[in-house]
Structures are given as structure tokens and as C-alpha cells.
């Protein structure tokens, strides 16, 4: 089973150890994967030298300052461009970014995701292979609030706006994977590459595009967006949102995945202990 990592790097001078922590985790589980690395502006000049120290299948690219979104979005965008140009196809696409690369208050989340997501590659990929309708896998979710005014917006294709079309005939599932760390199967990625043009790759994205917009590609395409934890950081029961999406789009083949959560804790993403905390 072939896998690749789209690795968005934003690391300021003095925080280079964050890159090493992620690369160490890749050595353990992604030794055979191709790793597309996008480096954002204002990052440490030492990153390429550090990457070259590791015996990994890496392809390194630097983000155009004119496309810099001040977030992981611009680096993910560049990784996808490199992936498309490579003409390679994989079974699983891991979206991972250097959480805590510019600050220390996210150190806990960085370590938590390395331990609870990155290191579980084999388990998560087995879940994909045994559930072929699953299009994405994330751990923590947040409900879409219809009363809130969001900064997110679409670029070239309608994911966020929920416009029904021949190419995207389903509504989105009205929840996000927070922290922008998740894995997609090959079918949604193939769909994406068939729909976008150079316009998408040459447009400066909203900083939250890969947290709030891009993952909707999965549910808009009719694939199941699997979520590991049942409750959002606000305490909302996300089972309701998934169930509503299935009913609204007559996707009853996914009923067996309802209430198939692995954890059911509430959490706070801003104050320790962030996660693994019951209400």
C-alpha cells in the first residue's frame, strides 16, 4: 500500500528541534513513503540541511512569498502542486504540519498528534483498506455553525459554499477536522486534481483553507469523513452532524459507520490538558 506525506513546514530560527521530532516520527512509520515538503517563508535557513540528514524519500519546495497565507495552507498548496506534477498516485495522503514550529504553547498538541496520529499509520491505513468508502480520517472535530460569519472561502471549486453540481453532487458534512492534521484516501484526491486548474495553484489561499474548506472535498464527493472522537471542543455531539449528512444525501451505505467512534471525550484546544479530558 503506497502512501505519501504532504508536510507543511513553518519553523522559526531556534525551533528547529520541532522539525527533528516530526522527521524522527517519519523514520519510524513513513520510511517507505514519499514525503513532499513545503517550506513557508520566514522559516529557519537550517531546515533543508536538517532534512538531508535523514534517510527519507523527501522532495523539498519553497513557498513563493506572494502566495504565503501566513499558515500551513500555502505549504500544503505547494505540496499538492508538486504531487500533481509528479504524476504519482498513492493509496493514502497524510496531511501533517509542524505544529509548534513558531510557538511553544502548541508543544503539547504537537507531541499528542505525533503519538496519537502519526505513529498509528499502520492502524489508520488498515481502517481505510477495510472500509473502502471512507475518504478521510481525522481525530478531533468542530461543528459548522450556521450562525457564524467565517473567514473561509472557496477557490475555483465549490466546497465551502455547498453548491450542488454534477462533479460535486453531495452536501458537506458540516464539521471540520481541527488542527489541520488528517489523512485522505486516493479517490477524493483524484477528484480534486480533476476539478482544479492552474488558477487554484496560483491563488493565495485563506489561512484556514485546509482546516475549514479542503476536507469538505471528501463529503462533497460522497465519501465518508471518518472522525475518531465523538464530541467537539464545544461539547457538541458530532454524531448528529454525520447522521444528518447521511440522511440528507441518501448515503445509507455508511450507516454502519455511525457511532463508530474510538473515543468520546470533551476537550479544550486552548488550555491544558487540551485533549483526553472528560467533562
Protein backbone atom coordinates (compact mmCIF):
# COMPACT_ATOMS: atom_id res chain seq x y z
CA UNK A 1 0.00 0.00 0.00
CA UNK A 2 1.66 3.22 -1.19
CA UNK A 3 1.49 6.33 0.97
CA UNK A 4 2.77 9.87 0.81
CA UNK A 5 3.07 12.71 3.27
CA UNK A 6 2.28 16.32 2.45
CA UNK A 7 4.38 18.05 5.10
CA UNK A 8 3.88 21.77 5.65
CA UNK A 9 6.85 23.37 7.41
CA UNK A 10 6.81 26.70 9.22
CA UNK A 11 9.67 26.81 11.72
CA UNK A 12 11.38 29.91 13.03
CA UNK A 13 15.07 30.02 13.97
CA UNK A 14 15.57 28.43 17.35
CA UNK A 15 12.70 25.95 16.94
CA UNK A 16 14.46 23.56 14.55
CA UNK A 17 14.06 20.73 17.09
CA UNK A 18 10.37 20.65 16.11
CA UNK A 19 11.31 19.53 12.60
CA UNK A 20 13.54 16.81 14.05
CA UNK A 21 10.67 15.49 16.19
CA UNK A 22 8.47 15.08 13.13
CA UNK A 23 11.24 13.62 10.98
CA UNK A 24 12.09 11.15 13.74
CA UNK A 25 8.46 10.02 13.72
CA UNK A 26 8.57 9.67 9.92
CA UNK A 27 11.63 7.43 10.18
CA UNK A 28 9.59 5.12 12.39
CA UNK A 29 6.48 4.85 10.21
CA UNK A 30 7.00 6.62 6.86
CA UNK A 31 10.37 5.19 5.85
CA UNK A 32 8.86 3.89 2.59
CA UNK A 33 6.60 6.87 1.92
CA UNK A 34 7.30 9.76 -0.42
CA UNK A 35 7.38 12.98 1.60
CA UNK A 36 6.55 16.24 -0.16
CA UNK A 37 7.78 19.13 1.97
CA UNK A 38 6.66 22.72 1.54
CA UNK A 39 8.67 25.31 3.46
CA UNK A 40 6.95 28.59 4.23
CA UNK A 41 8.72 31.98 4.17
CA UNK A 42 10.34 33.25 7.40
CA UNK A 43 11.40 29.72 8.31
CA UNK A 44 14.85 28.83 9.57
CA UNK A 45 17.59 28.55 6.93
CA UNK A 46 18.69 25.29 8.54
CA UNK A 47 15.64 23.24 7.55
CA UNK A 48 16.94 21.81 4.27
CA UNK A 49 20.22 20.76 5.90
CA UNK A 50 18.33 19.02 8.69
CA UNK A 51 16.02 17.25 6.22
CA UNK A 52 19.02 16.00 4.27
CA UNK A 53 20.40 14.35 7.41
CA UNK A 54 17.54 11.86 7.34
CA UNK A 55 17.32 8.86 5.04
CA UNK A 56 13.80 9.59 3.88
CA UNK A 57 12.25 9.93 0.41
CA UNK A 58 11.89 13.71 0.55
CA UNK A 59 11.08 16.31 -2.09
CA UNK A 60 11.57 19.86 -0.82
CA UNK A 61 9.96 23.04 -2.17
CA UNK A 62 9.91 26.67 -1.02
CA UNK A 63 6.68 28.65 -0.99
CA UNK A 64 6.50 31.75 -3.17
CA UNK A 65 6.23 34.73 -0.77
CA UNK A 66 3.41 36.11 -2.93
CA UNK A 67 1.36 33.00 -2.15
CA UNK A 68 2.23 32.84 1.54
CA UNK A 69 -1.00 32.54 3.56
CA UNK A 70 0.65 33.01 6.96
CA UNK A 71 -0.31 29.45 7.81
CA UNK A 72 0.23 25.86 6.73
CA UNK A 73 -2.20 26.43 3.83
CA UNK A 74 0.39 27.82 1.41
CA UNK A 75 2.81 24.96 2.09
CA UNK A 76 0.08 22.33 1.63
CA UNK A 77 -0.91 24.07 -1.60
CA UNK A 78 2.65 23.81 -2.93
CA UNK A 79 2.90 20.16 -1.88
CA UNK A 80 -0.25 19.37 -3.84
CA UNK A 81 1.18 21.15 -6.88
CA UNK A 82 4.36 19.09 -6.66
CA UNK A 83 2.30 15.94 -6.18
CA UNK A 84 0.23 16.66 -9.29
CA UNK A 85 3.34 17.37 -11.35
CA UNK A 86 4.93 14.13 -10.16
CA UNK A 87 2.08 12.14 -11.79
CA UNK A 88 2.39 9.66 -8.94
CA UNK A 89 -0.64 8.09 -7.28
CA UNK A 90 -0.86 6.79 -3.75
CA UNK A 91 -3.40 4.94 -1.62
CA UNK A 92 -3.15 7.30 1.33
CA UNK A 93 -2.30 11.00 1.58
CA UNK A 94 -1.16 12.22 5.01
CA UNK A 95 -1.51 15.95 5.69
CA UNK A 96 0.84 16.87 8.52
CA UNK A 97 2.27 20.22 9.53
CA UNK A 98 4.88 21.39 12.02
CA UNK A 99 2.59 22.19 14.94
CA UNK A 100 4.50 24.45 17.36
CA UNK A 101 7.08 25.49 14.78
CA UNK A 102 6.65 29.18 15.68
CA UNK A 103 5.48 28.99 19.30
CA UNK A 104 5.74 26.89 22.43
CA UNK A 105 2.09 26.93 23.53
CA UNK A 106 1.33 24.19 20.97
CA UNK A 107 4.08 21.86 22.19
CA UNK A 108 1.53 19.63 23.90
CA UNK A 109 -0.58 19.31 20.75
CA UNK A 110 2.49 18.55 18.66
CA UNK A 111 3.50 15.67 20.90
CA UNK A 112 -0.10 14.50 21.15
CA UNK A 113 -0.54 14.29 17.37
CA UNK A 114 2.79 12.54 16.87
CA UNK A 115 1.81 9.91 19.45
CA UNK A 116 -1.89 9.60 18.61
CA UNK A 117 -1.94 10.10 14.84
CA UNK A 118 1.40 9.94 13.03
CA UNK A 119 2.64 6.89 14.94
CA UNK A 120 -0.59 4.99 14.20
CA UNK A 121 -0.04 4.88 10.44
CA UNK A 122 -0.48 1.13 10.13
CA UNK A 123 -3.70 1.07 12.15
CA UNK A 124 -5.25 4.02 10.30
CA UNK A 125 -4.34 2.70 6.86
CA UNK A 126 -5.85 -0.66 7.77
CA UNK A 127 -9.07 1.18 8.62
CA UNK A 128 -9.07 2.70 5.12
CA UNK A 129 -8.44 -0.63 3.41
CA UNK A 130 -11.20 -2.43 5.31
CA UNK A 131 -13.69 0.43 4.80
CA UNK A 132 -13.31 1.44 1.13
CA UNK A 133 -15.99 4.13 1.28
CA UNK A 134 -14.03 6.13 3.86
CA UNK A 135 -12.42 9.15 2.23
CA UNK A 136 -10.72 10.80 5.18
CA UNK A 137 -9.61 10.14 8.74
CA UNK A 138 -9.20 12.75 11.44
CA UNK A 139 -9.14 12.71 15.22
CA UNK A 140 -10.70 15.93 16.52
CA UNK A 141 -13.66 17.78 15.04
CA UNK A 142 -15.55 21.04 15.32
CA UNK A 143 -19.12 21.66 14.21
CA UNK A 144 -20.00 24.08 11.40
CA UNK A 145 -22.01 26.92 12.96
CA UNK A 146 -24.63 28.32 10.55
CA UNK A 147 -24.92 31.47 12.67
CA UNK A 148 -21.25 32.36 12.50
CA UNK A 149 -19.54 34.51 9.87
CA UNK A 150 -16.42 32.64 8.75
CA UNK A 151 -13.29 33.88 7.01
CA UNK A 152 -13.03 30.73 4.91
CA UNK A 153 -14.00 30.85 1.24
CA UNK A 154 -13.76 28.72 -1.87
CA UNK A 155 -11.17 28.98 -4.62
CA UNK A 156 -12.18 27.79 -8.12
CA UNK A 157 -14.36 24.87 -6.93
CA UNK A 158 -17.33 24.96 -4.57
CA UNK A 159 -16.55 23.04 -1.40
CA UNK A 160 -17.41 25.54 1.31
CA UNK A 161 -20.42 27.12 -0.45
CA UNK A 162 -22.10 23.75 -0.88
CA UNK A 163 -23.26 24.39 -4.44
CA UNK A 164 -24.59 21.11 -5.84
CA UNK A 165 -23.19 20.18 -9.25
CA UNK A 166 -22.56 17.18 -11.47
CA UNK A 167 -18.99 16.93 -10.17
CA UNK A 168 -19.85 17.56 -6.51
CA UNK A 169 -23.39 16.21 -6.10
CA UNK A 170 -23.47 15.91 -2.29
CA UNK A 171 -23.59 18.42 0.55
CA UNK A 172 -20.74 18.71 3.03
CA UNK A 173 -20.91 17.11 6.44
CA UNK A 174 -20.90 20.37 8.45
CA UNK A 175 -17.92 19.61 10.66
CA UNK A 176 -14.19 20.29 10.38
CA UNK A 177 -11.04 18.45 11.33
CA UNK A 178 -9.40 20.99 13.62
CA UNK A 179 -5.61 21.49 13.76
CA UNK A 180 -5.28 20.65 10.03
CA UNK A 181 -3.84 17.19 10.52
CA UNK A 182 -5.62 14.30 8.78
CA UNK A 183 -5.34 11.62 6.11
CA UNK A 184 -7.22 11.24 2.80
CA UNK A 185 -7.71 8.23 0.57
CA UNK A 186 -6.90 8.33 -3.12
CA UNK A 187 -10.37 8.84 -4.60
CA UNK A 188 -11.03 12.35 -3.18
CA UNK A 189 -7.54 13.43 -4.22
CA UNK A 190 -8.12 12.17 -7.76
CA UNK A 191 -11.41 14.08 -7.80
CA UNK A 192 -9.66 17.25 -6.66
CA UNK A 193 -6.97 17.08 -9.32
CA UNK A 194 -9.62 16.54 -12.00
CA UNK A 195 -11.50 19.67 -10.93
CA UNK A 196 -8.82 22.31 -10.34
CA UNK A 197 -6.63 24.15 -12.84
CA UNK A 198 -3.53 26.32 -12.54
CA UNK A 199 -5.81 29.02 -11.15
CA UNK A 200 -6.13 27.17 -7.85
CA UNK A 201 -2.39 26.65 -7.51
CA UNK A 202 -1.62 30.30 -8.31
CA UNK A 203 -4.17 31.85 -5.95
CA UNK A 204 -3.26 32.97 -2.44
CA UNK A 205 -5.44 30.85 -0.16
CA UNK A 206 -7.21 31.85 3.02
CA UNK A 207 -5.09 30.84 6.01
CA UNK A 208 -7.79 28.40 7.17
CA UNK A 209 -8.40 26.80 3.77
CA UNK A 210 -7.01 23.38 4.70
CA UNK A 211 -8.80 23.29 8.01
CA UNK A 212 -12.22 24.59 7.03
CA UNK A 213 -12.55 24.14 3.26
CA UNK A 214 -10.39 21.40 1.74
CA UNK A 215 -11.61 18.47 3.89
CA UNK A 216 -15.18 19.15 2.66
CA UNK A 217 -13.91 17.67 -0.62
CA UNK A 218 -14.50 14.25 0.91
CA UNK A 219 -18.16 14.59 1.90
CA UNK A 220 -18.96 16.73 -1.16
CA UNK A 221 -17.70 13.81 -3.29
CA UNK A 222 -19.83 11.26 -1.42
CA UNK A 223 -17.06 9.62 0.60
CA UNK A 224 -17.29 9.15 4.35
CA UNK A 225 -15.35 11.65 6.51
CA UNK A 226 -14.38 9.48 9.47
CA UNK A 227 -13.93 11.19 12.82
CA UNK A 228 -12.31 9.38 15.72
CA UNK A 229 -13.62 11.46 18.64
CA UNK A 230 -17.37 11.95 19.04
CA UNK A 231 -17.53 15.39 20.69
CA UNK A 232 -16.26 18.78 19.56
CA UNK A 233 -14.28 21.23 21.67
CA UNK A 234 -17.61 22.97 22.29
CA UNK A 235 -19.18 19.78 23.60
CA UNK A 236 -21.39 19.30 20.52
CA UNK A 237 -22.25 15.71 19.65
CA UNK A 238 -20.88 15.32 16.12
CA UNK A 239 -22.81 12.09 15.61
CA UNK A 240 -25.81 14.31 14.85
CA UNK A 241 -23.97 16.10 12.02
CA UNK A 242 -22.75 12.86 10.45
CA UNK A 243 -26.18 11.24 10.71
CA UNK A 244 -27.82 14.30 9.12
CA UNK A 245 -25.33 14.24 6.24
CA UNK A 246 -26.07 10.56 5.55
CA UNK A 247 -29.83 11.13 5.58
CA UNK A 248 -29.73 14.32 3.52
CA UNK A 249 -27.70 12.67 0.76
CA UNK A 250 -29.27 9.17 0.93
CA UNK A 251 -25.89 7.60 1.62
CA UNK A 252 -27.28 4.75 3.68
CA UNK A 253 -24.33 2.52 2.87
CA UNK A 254 -22.48 4.43 5.60
CA UNK A 255 -24.97 3.73 8.37
CA UNK A 256 -22.70 1.01 9.74
CA UNK A 257 -20.08 3.69 10.41
CA UNK A 258 -22.42 5.73 12.59
CA UNK A 259 -21.47 5.68 16.24
CA UNK A 260 -18.20 4.01 15.32
CA UNK A 261 -16.09 6.44 17.32
CA UNK A 262 -12.96 5.32 19.12
CA UNK A 263 -13.12 8.00 21.84
CA UNK A 264 -15.85 10.10 23.41
CA UNK A 265 -14.08 12.76 25.43
CA UNK A 266 -14.56 16.50 25.51
CA UNK A 267 -11.53 18.74 25.24
CA UNK A 268 -10.25 22.30 25.18
CA UNK A 269 -7.82 23.21 22.43
CA UNK A 270 -6.60 26.40 24.11
CA UNK A 271 -5.93 25.40 27.71
CA UNK A 272 -4.06 22.34 29.01
CA UNK A 273 -4.65 19.45 29.03
CA UNK A 274 -6.32 20.18 25.63
CA UNK A 275 -7.44 16.61 24.97
CA UNK A 276 -8.08 13.31 26.75
CA UNK A 277 -10.19 15.16 29.28
CA UNK A 278 -13.68 14.02 30.18
CA UNK A 279 -16.22 16.67 31.10
